[in-house]
Amino acid sequence: KVDYESVPDASHMMHQSDPARYAEILTPWAAALAP
């Protein structure tokens, strides 16, 4: 399964420049993974 998030207004290092947005994308996806 491949989830794709297109964020063309984000910088290359979104985790650094916009950590809140990065966490909003990563956190629910990671929480839905099988343990």
Full PDB file with SEQRES, HELIX, SHEET, SSBOND, CRYST1, ORIGX, SCALE, CONECT and MASTER records, all heavy atoms in Angstrom:
SEQRES   1 A   35  LYS VAL ASP TYR GLU SER VAL PRO ASP ALA SER HIS MET          
SEQRES   2 A   35  MET HIS GLN SER ASP PRO ALA ARG TYR ALA GLU ILE LEU          
SEQRES   3 A   35  THR PRO TRP ALA ALA ALA LEU ALA PRO                          
HELIX    1 AA1 MET A   14  SER A   17  1                                   4    
HELIX    2 AA2 PRO A   19  ALA A   31  1                                  13    
CRYST1    1.000    1.000    1.000  90.00  90.00  90.00 P 1           1          
ORIGX1      1.000000  0.000000  0.000000        0.00000                         
ORIGX2      0.000000  1.000000  0.000000        0.00000                         
ORIGX3      0.000000  0.000000  1.000000        0.00000                         
SCALE1      1.000000  0.000000  0.000000        0.00000                         
SCALE2      0.000000  1.000000  0.000000        0.00000                         
SCALE3      0.000000  0.000000  1.000000        0.00000                         
ATOM      1  N   LYS A   1       0.849  -1.187   0.000  1.00  0.00           N  
ATOM      2  CA  LYS A   1       0.000   0.000   0.000  1.00  0.00           C  
ATOM      3  C   LYS A   1       0.889   1.242   0.000  1.00  0.00           C  
ATOM      4  O   LYS A   1       1.761   1.384   0.856  1.00  0.00           O  
ATOM      5  CB  LYS A   1      -0.916   0.002   1.220  1.00  0.00           C  
ATOM      6  CG  LYS A   1      -1.929   1.142   1.245  1.00  0.00           C  
ATOM      7  CD  LYS A   1      -2.871   0.997   2.435  1.00  0.00           C  
ATOM      8  CE  LYS A   1      -3.982   2.036   2.390  1.00  0.00           C  
ATOM      9  NZ  LYS A   1      -3.475   3.414   2.558  1.00  0.00           N  
ATOM     10  N   VAL A   2       0.646   2.131  -0.932  1.00  0.00           N  
ATOM     11  CA  VAL A   2       1.417   3.368  -1.032  1.00  0.00           C  
ATOM     12  C   VAL A   2       0.468   4.545  -0.872  1.00  0.00           C  
ATOM     13  O   VAL A   2      -0.453   4.733  -1.668  1.00  0.00           O  
ATOM     14  CB  VAL A   2       2.151   3.473  -2.379  1.00  0.00           C  
ATOM     15  CG1 VAL A   2       2.941   4.779  -2.453  1.00  0.00           C  
ATOM     16  CG2 VAL A   2       3.076   2.285  -2.586  1.00  0.00           C  
ATOM     17  N   ASP A   3       0.675   5.332   0.175  1.00  0.00           N  
ATOM     18  CA  ASP A   3      -0.067   6.580   0.350  1.00  0.00           C  
ATOM     19  C   ASP A   3       0.787   7.715  -0.183  1.00  0.00           C  
ATOM     20  O   ASP A   3       2.000   7.774   0.088  1.00  0.00           O  
ATOM     21  CB  ASP A   3      -0.388   6.807   1.830  1.00  0.00           C  
ATOM     22  CG  ASP A   3      -1.424   5.819   2.342  1.00  0.00           C  
ATOM     23  OD1 ASP A   3      -2.588   5.911   1.916  1.00  0.00           O  
ATOM     24  OD2 ASP A   3      -1.062   4.946   3.160  1.00  0.00           O  
ATOM     25  N   TYR A   4       0.160   8.619  -0.921  1.00  0.00           N  
ATOM     26  CA  TYR A   4       0.884   9.698  -1.595  1.00  0.00           C  
ATOM     27  C   TYR A   4       0.318  11.039  -1.140  1.00  0.00           C  
ATOM     28  O   TYR A   4      -0.890  11.266  -1.199  1.00  0.00           O  
ATOM     29  CB  TYR A   4       0.745   9.542  -3.101  1.00  0.00           C  
ATOM     30  CG  TYR A   4       1.331  10.665  -3.924  1.00  0.00           C  
ATOM     31  CD1 TYR A   4       2.713  10.818  -4.045  1.00  0.00           C  
ATOM     32  CD2 TYR A   4       0.509  11.557  -4.602  1.00  0.00           C  
ATOM     33  CE1 TYR A   4       3.255  11.833  -4.818  1.00  0.00           C  
ATOM     34  CE2 TYR A   4       1.040  12.571  -5.381  1.00  0.00           C  
ATOM     35  CZ  TYR A   4       2.411  12.710  -5.488  1.00  0.00           C  
ATOM     36  OH  TYR A   4       2.942  13.719  -6.256  1.00  0.00           O  
ATOM     37  N   GLU A   5       1.195  11.903  -0.659  1.00  0.00           N  
ATOM     38  CA  GLU A   5       0.806  13.250  -0.242  1.00  0.00           C  
ATOM     39  C   GLU A   5       1.547  14.260  -1.104  1.00  0.00           C  
ATOM     40  O   GLU A   5       2.776  14.391  -1.013  1.00  0.00           O  
ATOM     41  CB  GLU A   5       1.149  13.482   1.233  1.00  0.00           C  
ATOM     42  CG  GLU A   5       0.267  12.732   2.218  1.00  0.00           C  
ATOM     43  CD  GLU A   5      -1.094  13.404   2.421  1.00  0.00           C  
ATOM     44  OE1 GLU A   5      -1.234  14.594   2.008  1.00  0.00           O  
ATOM     45  OE2 GLU A   5      -1.992  12.756   2.978  1.00  0.00           O  
ATOM     46  N   SER A   6       0.808  14.962  -1.954  1.00  0.00           N  
ATOM     47  CA  SER A   6       1.397  16.013  -2.772  1.00  0.00           C  
ATOM     48  C   SER A   6       1.278  17.335  -2.027  1.00  0.00           C  
ATOM     49  O   SER A   6       0.172  17.811  -1.750  1.00  0.00           O  
ATOM     50  CB  SER A   6       0.668  16.106  -4.118  1.00  0.00           C  
ATOM     51  OG  SER A   6       1.185  17.169  -4.892  1.00  0.00           O  
ATOM     52  N   VAL A   7       2.429  17.918  -1.689  1.00  0.00           N  
ATOM     53  CA  VAL A   7       2.456  19.195  -0.964  1.00  0.00           C  
ATOM     54  C   VAL A   7       3.414  20.137  -1.698  1.00  0.00           C  
ATOM     55  O   VAL A   7       4.523  20.406  -1.227  1.00  0.00           O  
ATOM     56  CB  VAL A   7       2.863  19.004   0.508  1.00  0.00           C  
ATOM     57  CG1 VAL A   7       1.695  18.546   1.347  1.00  0.00           C  
ATOM     58  CG2 VAL A   7       4.004  17.985   0.657  1.00  0.00           C  
ATOM     59  N   PRO A   8       3.020  20.625  -2.873  1.00  0.00           N  
ATOM     60  CA  PRO A   8       3.936  21.390  -3.727  1.00  0.00           C  
ATOM     61  C   PRO A   8       4.377  22.729  -3.152  1.00  0.00           C  
ATOM     62  O   PRO A   8       5.330  23.320  -3.665  1.00  0.00           O  
ATOM     63  CB  PRO A   8       3.132  21.584  -5.017  1.00  0.00           C  
ATOM     64  CG  PRO A   8       1.707  21.420  -4.621  1.00  0.00           C  
ATOM     65  CD  PRO A   8       1.705  20.423  -3.513  1.00  0.00           C  
ATOM     66  N   ASP A   9       3.708  23.182  -2.090  1.00  0.00           N  
ATOM     67  CA  ASP A   9       4.144  24.433  -1.467  1.00  0.00           C  
ATOM     68  C   ASP A   9       5.094  24.194  -0.295  1.00  0.00           C  
ATOM     69  O   ASP A   9       5.541  25.135   0.358  1.00  0.00           O  
ATOM     70  CB  ASP A   9       2.938  25.238  -0.984  1.00  0.00           C  
ATOM     71  CG  ASP A   9       2.089  24.493   0.035  1.00  0.00           C  
ATOM     72  OD1 ASP A   9       2.023  23.241  -0.039  1.00  0.00           O  
ATOM     73  OD2 ASP A   9       1.477  25.152   0.898  1.00  0.00           O  
ATOM     74  N   ALA A  10       5.422  22.939  -0.028  1.00  0.00           N  
ATOM     75  CA  ALA A  10       6.319  22.608   1.087  1.00  0.00           C  
ATOM     76  C   ALA A  10       7.770  22.644   0.631  1.00  0.00           C  
ATOM     77  O   ALA A  10       8.089  22.322  -0.519  1.00  0.00           O  
ATOM     78  CB  ALA A  10       5.989  21.227   1.643  1.00  0.00           C  
ATOM     79  N   SER A  11       8.659  23.012   1.531  1.00  0.00           N  
ATOM     80  CA  SER A  11      10.087  22.976   1.225  1.00  0.00           C  
ATOM     81  C   SER A  11      10.572  21.535   1.186  1.00  0.00           C  
ATOM     82  O   SER A  11       9.886  20.613   1.638  1.00  0.00           O  
ATOM     83  CB  SER A  11      10.884  23.762   2.272  1.00  0.00           C  
ATOM     84  OG  SER A  11      10.935  23.043   3.500  1.00  0.00           O  
ATOM     85  N   HIS A  12      11.764  21.357   0.644  1.00  0.00           N  
ATOM     86  CA  HIS A  12      12.328  20.005   0.546  1.00  0.00           C  
ATOM     87  C   HIS A  12      12.418  19.350   1.921  1.00  0.00           C  
ATOM     88  O   HIS A  12      12.107  18.164   2.070  1.00  0.00           O  
ATOM     89  CB  HIS A  12      13.704  20.095  -0.105  1.00  0.00           C  
ATOM     90  CG  HIS A  12      14.394  18.787  -0.277  1.00  0.00           C  
ATOM     91  ND1 HIS A  12      13.785  17.674  -0.840  1.00  0.00           N  
ATOM     92  CD2 HIS A  12      15.664  18.389   0.049  1.00  0.00           C  
ATOM     93  CE1 HIS A  12      14.640  16.668  -0.864  1.00  0.00           C  
ATOM     94  NE2 HIS A  12      15.774  17.068  -0.332  1.00  0.00           N  
ATOM     95  N   MET A  13      12.818  20.102   2.919  1.00  0.00           N  
ATOM     96  CA  MET A  13      12.942  19.565   4.280  1.00  0.00           C  
ATOM     97  C   MET A  13      11.762  20.050   5.116  1.00  0.00           C  
ATOM     98  O   MET A  13      11.914  20.851   6.035  1.00  0.00           O  
ATOM     99  CB  MET A  13      14.277  19.976   4.896  1.00  0.00           C  
ATOM    100  CG  MET A  13      15.474  19.383   4.184  1.00  0.00           C  
ATOM    101  SD  MET A  13      17.063  19.695   4.992  1.00  0.00           S  
ATOM    102  CE  MET A  13      17.243  21.455   4.693  1.00  0.00           C  
ATOM    103  N   MET A  14      10.582  19.571   4.803  1.00  0.00           N  
ATOM    104  CA  MET A  14       9.380  20.006   5.510  1.00  0.00           C  
ATOM    105  C   MET A  14       9.469  19.707   6.999  1.00  0.00           C  
ATOM    106  O   MET A  14       8.965  20.467   7.825  1.00  0.00           O  
ATOM    107  CB  MET A  14       8.145  19.340   4.908  1.00  0.00           C  
ATOM    108  CG  MET A  14       6.827  19.718   5.576  1.00  0.00           C  
ATOM    109  SD  MET A  14       5.369  19.138   4.680  1.00  0.00           S  
ATOM    110  CE  MET A  14       5.626  17.356   4.682  1.00  0.00           C  
ATOM    111  N   HIS A  15      10.108  18.595   7.363  1.00  0.00           N  
ATOM    112  CA  HIS A  15      10.214  18.249   8.785  1.00  0.00           C  
ATOM    113  C   HIS A  15      10.931  19.338   9.560  1.00  0.00           C  
ATOM    114  O   HIS A  15      10.695  19.528  10.759  1.00  0.00           O  
ATOM    115  CB  HIS A  15      10.953  16.917   8.958  1.00  0.00           C  
ATOM    116  CG  HIS A  15      12.400  16.988   8.593  1.00  0.00           C  
ATOM    117  ND1 HIS A  15      12.849  16.875   7.292  1.00  0.00           N  
ATOM    118  CD2 HIS A  15      13.511  17.177   9.357  1.00  0.00           C  
ATOM    119  CE1 HIS A  15      14.164  16.988   7.279  1.00  0.00           C  
ATOM    120  NE2 HIS A  15      14.595  17.165   8.508  1.00  0.00           N  
ATOM    121  N   GLN A  16      11.800  20.092   8.887  1.00  0.00           N  
ATOM    122  CA  GLN A  16      12.550  21.159   9.541  1.00  0.00           C  
ATOM    123  C   GLN A  16      11.837  22.502   9.433  1.00  0.00           C  
ATOM    124  O   GLN A  16      11.745  23.240  10.412  1.00  0.00           O  
ATOM    125  CB  GLN A  16      13.941  21.260   8.922  1.00  0.00           C  
ATOM    126  CG  GLN A  16      14.844  22.304   9.562  1.00  0.00           C  
ATOM    127  CD  GLN A  16      16.203  22.344   8.885  1.00  0.00           C  
ATOM    128  OE1 GLN A  16      16.320  22.719   7.718  1.00  0.00           O  
ATOM    129  NE2 GLN A  16      17.231  21.942   9.610  1.00  0.00           N  
ATOM    130  N   SER A  17      11.325  22.809   8.242  1.00  0.00           N  
ATOM    131  CA  SER A  17      10.732  24.133   8.028  1.00  0.00           C  
ATOM    132  C   SER A  17       9.298  24.227   8.535  1.00  0.00           C  
ATOM    133  O   SER A  17       8.835  25.317   8.889  1.00  0.00           O  
ATOM    134  CB  SER A  17      10.765  24.487   6.538  1.00  0.00           C  
ATOM    135  OG  SER A  17      10.003  23.554   5.783  1.00  0.00           O  
ATOM    136  N   ASP A  18       8.579  23.128   8.554  1.00  0.00           N  
ATOM    137  CA  ASP A  18       7.180  23.134   8.999  1.00  0.00           C  
ATOM    138  C   ASP A  18       6.887  21.840   9.752  1.00  0.00           C  
ATOM    139  O   ASP A  18       6.135  20.980   9.283  1.00  0.00           O  
ATOM    140  CB  ASP A  18       6.258  23.270   7.786  1.00  0.00           C  
ATOM    141  CG  ASP A  18       4.821  23.634   8.169  1.00  0.00           C  
ATOM    142  OD1 ASP A  18       4.509  23.618   9.377  1.00  0.00           O  
ATOM    143  OD2 ASP A  18       4.028  23.906   7.254  1.00  0.00           O  
ATOM    144  N   PRO A  19       7.486  21.687  10.943  1.00  0.00           N  
ATOM    145  CA  PRO A  19       7.351  20.412  11.661  1.00  0.00           C  
ATOM    146  C   PRO A  19       5.918  20.066  12.034  1.00  0.00           C  
ATOM    147  O   PRO A  19       5.564  18.884  12.088  1.00  0.00           O  
ATOM    148  CB  PRO A  19       8.235  20.602  12.898  1.00  0.00           C  
ATOM    149  CG  PRO A  19       8.406  22.082  13.042  1.00  0.00           C  
ATOM    150  CD  PRO A  19       8.360  22.638  11.651  1.00  0.00           C  
ATOM    151  N   ALA A  20       5.080  21.083  12.289  1.00  0.00           N  
ATOM    152  CA  ALA A  20       3.695  20.792  12.658  1.00  0.00           C  
ATOM    153  C   ALA A  20       2.963  20.123  11.490  1.00  0.00           C  
ATOM    154  O   ALA A  20       2.227  19.140  11.675  1.00  0.00           O  
ATOM    155  CB  ALA A  20       2.990  22.079  13.072  1.00  0.00           C  
ATOM    156  N   ARG A  21       3.164  20.643  10.291  1.00  0.00           N  
ATOM    157  CA  ARG A  21       2.531  20.059   9.109  1.00  0.00           C  
ATOM    158  C   ARG A  21       3.069  18.655   8.852  1.00  0.00           C  
ATOM    159  O   ARG A  21       2.315  17.737   8.511  1.00  0.00           O  
ATOM    160  CB  ARG A  21       2.777  20.959   7.909  1.00  0.00           C  
ATOM    161  CG  ARG A  21       2.036  20.551   6.652  1.00  0.00           C  
ATOM    162  CD  ARG A  21       2.359  21.521   5.524  1.00  0.00           C  
ATOM    163  NE  ARG A  21       1.511  21.340   4.377  1.00  0.00           N  
ATOM    164  CZ  ARG A  21       1.649  22.019   3.235  1.00  0.00           C  
ATOM    165  NH1 ARG A  21       2.609  22.927   3.119  1.00  0.00           N  
ATOM    166  NH2 ARG A  21       0.839  21.815   2.224  1.00  0.00           N  
ATOM    167  N   TYR A  22       4.361  18.503   9.020  1.00  0.00           N  
ATOM    168  CA  TYR A  22       4.991  17.188   8.849  1.00  0.00           C  
ATOM    169  C   TYR A  22       4.370  16.185   9.815  1.00  0.00           C  
ATOM    170  O   TYR A  22       4.011  15.063   9.418  1.00  0.00           O  
ATOM    171  CB  TYR A  22       6.485  17.333   9.095  1.00  0.00           C  
ATOM    172  CG  TYR A  22       7.274  16.051   9.112  1.00  0.00           C  
ATOM    173  CD1 TYR A  22       7.692  15.448   7.931  1.00  0.00           C  
ATOM    174  CD2 TYR A  22       7.633  15.440  10.319  1.00  0.00           C  
ATOM    175  CE1 TYR A  22       8.433  14.277   7.936  1.00  0.00           C  
ATOM    176  CE2 TYR A  22       8.374  14.275  10.335  1.00  0.00           C  
ATOM    177  CZ  TYR A  22       8.768  13.695   9.141  1.00  0.00           C  
ATOM    178  OH  TYR A  22       9.504  12.537   9.162  1.00  0.00           O  
ATOM    179  N   ALA A  23       4.213  16.582  11.065  1.00  0.00           N  
ATOM    180  CA  ALA A  23       3.637  15.680  12.068  1.00  0.00           C  
ATOM    181  C   ALA A  23       2.180  15.364  11.755  1.00  0.00           C  
ATOM    182  O   ALA A  23       1.720  14.233  11.989  1.00  0.00           O  
ATOM    183  CB  ALA A  23       3.753  16.301  13.454  1.00  0.00           C  
ATOM    184  N   GLU A  24       1.447  16.331  11.216  1.00  0.00           N  
ATOM    185  CA  GLU A  24       0.046  16.099  10.860  1.00  0.00           C  
ATOM    186  C   GLU A  24      -0.088  15.039   9.759  1.00  0.00           C  
ATOM    187  O   GLU A  24      -1.085  14.318   9.707  1.00  0.00           O  
ATOM    188  CB  GLU A  24      -0.597  17.408  10.390  1.00  0.00           C  
ATOM    189  CG  GLU A  24      -0.856  18.402  11.516  1.00  0.00           C  
ATOM    190  CD  GLU A  24      -1.342  19.740  10.987  1.00  0.00           C  
ATOM    191  OE1 GLU A  24      -1.508  19.872   9.739  1.00  0.00           O  
ATOM    192  OE2 GLU A  24      -1.558  20.655  11.790  1.00  0.00           O  
ATOM    193  N   ILE A  25       0.897  14.972   8.880  1.00  0.00           N  
ATOM    194  CA  ILE A  25       0.871  13.983   7.805  1.00  0.00           C  
ATOM    195  C   ILE A  25       1.350  12.626   8.305  1.00  0.00           C  
ATOM    196  O   ILE A  25       0.746  11.587   8.020  1.00  0.00           O  
ATOM    197  CB  ILE A  25       1.735  14.461   6.621  1.00  0.00           C  
ATOM    198  CG1 ILE A  25       1.102  15.707   5.976  1.00  0.00           C  
ATOM    199  CG2 ILE A  25       1.910  13.354   5.585  1.00  0.00           C  
ATOM    200  CD1 ILE A  25       1.988  16.364   4.927  1.00  0.00           C  
ATOM    201  N   LEU A  26       2.446  12.626   9.053  1.00  0.00           N  
ATOM    202  CA  LEU A  26       3.064  11.375   9.484  1.00  0.00           C  
ATOM    203  C   LEU A  26       2.277  10.662  10.580  1.00  0.00           C  
ATOM    204  O   LEU A  26       2.089   9.443  10.516  1.00  0.00           O  
ATOM    205  CB  LEU A  26       4.495  11.646   9.971  1.00  0.00           C  
ATOM    206  CG  LEU A  26       5.217  10.492  10.672  1.00  0.00           C  
ATOM    207  CD1 LEU A  26       5.367   9.294   9.744  1.00  0.00           C  
ATOM    208  CD2 LEU A  26       6.579  10.950  11.192  1.00  0.00           C  
ATOM    209  N   THR A  27       1.798  11.390  11.579  1.00  0.00           N  
ATOM    210  CA  THR A  27       1.262  10.758  12.788  1.00  0.00           C  
ATOM    211  C   THR A  27       0.060   9.853  12.517  1.00  0.00           C  
ATOM    212  O   THR A  27       0.052   8.689  12.943  1.00  0.00           O  
ATOM    213  CB  THR A  27       0.927  11.819  13.838  1.00  0.00           C  
ATOM    214  OG1 THR A  27       2.107  12.593  14.118  1.00  0.00           O  
ATOM    215  CG2 THR A  27       0.430  11.172  15.127  1.00  0.00           C  
ATOM    216  N   PRO A  28      -0.991  10.330  11.816  1.00  0.00           N  
ATOM    217  CA  PRO A  28      -2.119   9.417  11.595  1.00  0.00           C  
ATOM    218  C   PRO A  28      -1.776   8.243  10.693  1.00  0.00           C  
ATOM    219  O   PRO A  28      -2.324   7.136  10.877  1.00  0.00           O  
ATOM    220  CB  PRO A  28      -3.185  10.322  10.948  1.00  0.00           C  
ATOM    221  CG  PRO A  28      -2.427  11.497  10.413  1.00  0.00           C  
ATOM    222  CD  PRO A  28      -1.260  11.684  11.321  1.00  0.00           C  
ATOM    223  N   TRP A  29      -0.882   8.451   9.747  1.00  0.00           N  
ATOM    224  CA  TRP A  29      -0.480   7.342   8.889  1.00  0.00           C  
ATOM    225  C   TRP A  29       0.245   6.279   9.707  1.00  0.00           C  
ATOM    226  O   TRP A  29      -0.055   5.080   9.597  1.00  0.00           O  
ATOM    227  CB  TRP A  29       0.437   7.859   7.769  1.00  0.00           C  
ATOM    228  CG  TRP A  29       1.039   6.760   6.939  1.00  0.00           C  
ATOM    229  CD1 TRP A  29       0.446   6.093   5.909  1.00  0.00           C  
ATOM    230  CD2 TRP A  29       2.352   6.200   7.097  1.00  0.00           C  
ATOM    231  NE1 TRP A  29       1.313   5.150   5.396  1.00  0.00           N  
ATOM    232  CE2 TRP A  29       2.478   5.190   6.106  1.00  0.00           C  
ATOM    233  CE3 TRP A  29       3.409   6.450   7.958  1.00  0.00           C  
ATOM    234  CZ2 TRP A  29       3.650   4.434   5.974  1.00  0.00           C  
ATOM    235  CZ3 TRP A  29       4.566   5.699   7.819  1.00  0.00           C  
ATOM    236  CH2 TRP A  29       4.659   4.707   6.842  1.00  0.00           C  
ATOM    237  N   ALA A  30       1.181   6.699  10.545  1.00  0.00           N  
ATOM    238  CA  ALA A  30       1.931   5.741  11.364  1.00  0.00           C  
ATOM    239  C   ALA A  30       1.009   5.039  12.361  1.00  0.00           C  
ATOM    240  O   ALA A  30       1.181   3.845  12.635  1.00  0.00           O  
ATOM    241  CB  ALA A  30       3.064   6.451  12.089  1.00  0.00           C  
ATOM    242  N   ALA A  31       0.028   5.775  12.897  1.00  0.00           N  
ATOM    243  CA  ALA A  31      -0.876   5.181  13.897  1.00  0.00           C  
ATOM    244  C   ALA A  31      -1.751   4.093  13.286  1.00  0.00           C  
ATOM    245  O   ALA A  31      -2.188   3.184  13.985  1.00  0.00           O  
ATOM    246  CB  ALA A  31      -1.755   6.265  14.502  1.00  0.00           C  
ATOM    247  N   ALA A  32      -1.970   4.169  11.979  1.00  0.00           N  
ATOM    248  CA  ALA A  32      -2.836   3.189  11.316  1.00  0.00           C  
ATOM    249  C   ALA A  32      -2.086   1.934  10.869  1.00  0.00           C  
ATOM    250  O   ALA A  32      -2.703   0.976  10.397  1.00  0.00           O  
ATOM    251  CB  ALA A  32      -3.508   3.833  10.100  1.00  0.00           C  
ATOM    252  N   LEU A  33      -0.758   1.924  11.035  1.00  0.00           N  
ATOM    253  CA  LEU A  33       0.013   0.763  10.627  1.00  0.00           C  
ATOM    254  C   LEU A  33      -0.242  -0.422  11.555  1.00  0.00           C  
ATOM    255  O   LEU A  33      -0.509  -0.243  12.740  1.00  0.00           O  
ATOM    256  CB  LEU A  33       1.513   1.092  10.639  1.00  0.00           C  
ATOM    257  CG  LEU A  33       2.005   2.103   9.603  1.00  0.00           C  
ATOM    258  CD1 LEU A  33       3.473   2.440   9.858  1.00  0.00           C  
ATOM    259  CD2 LEU A  33       1.822   1.566   8.180  1.00  0.00           C  
ATOM    260  N   ALA A  34      -0.124  -1.585  10.997  1.00  0.00           N  
ATOM    261  CA  ALA A  34      -0.248  -2.786  11.828  1.00  0.00           C  
ATOM    262  C   ALA A  34       0.876  -2.832  12.853  1.00  0.00           C  
ATOM    263  O   ALA A  34       2.023  -2.455  12.538  1.00  0.00           O  
ATOM    264  CB  ALA A  34      -0.207  -4.035  10.954  1.00  0.00           C  
ATOM    265  N   PRO A  35       0.608  -3.263  14.081  1.00  0.00           N  
ATOM    266  CA  PRO A  35       1.673  -3.314  15.106  1.00  0.00           C  
ATOM    267  C   PRO A  35       2.722  -4.349  14.772  1.00  0.00           C  
ATOM    268  O   PRO A  35       2.511  -5.252  13.997  1.00  0.00           O  
ATOM    269  CB  PRO A  35       0.891  -3.683  16.388  1.00  0.00           C  
ATOM    270  CG  PRO A  35      -0.342  -4.368  15.899  1.00  0.00           C  
ATOM    271  CD  PRO A  35      -0.676  -3.750  14.574  1.00  0.00           C  
TER     272      PRO A  35                                                      
MASTER        0    0    0    2    0    0    0    6  271    1    0    3          
END                                                                             
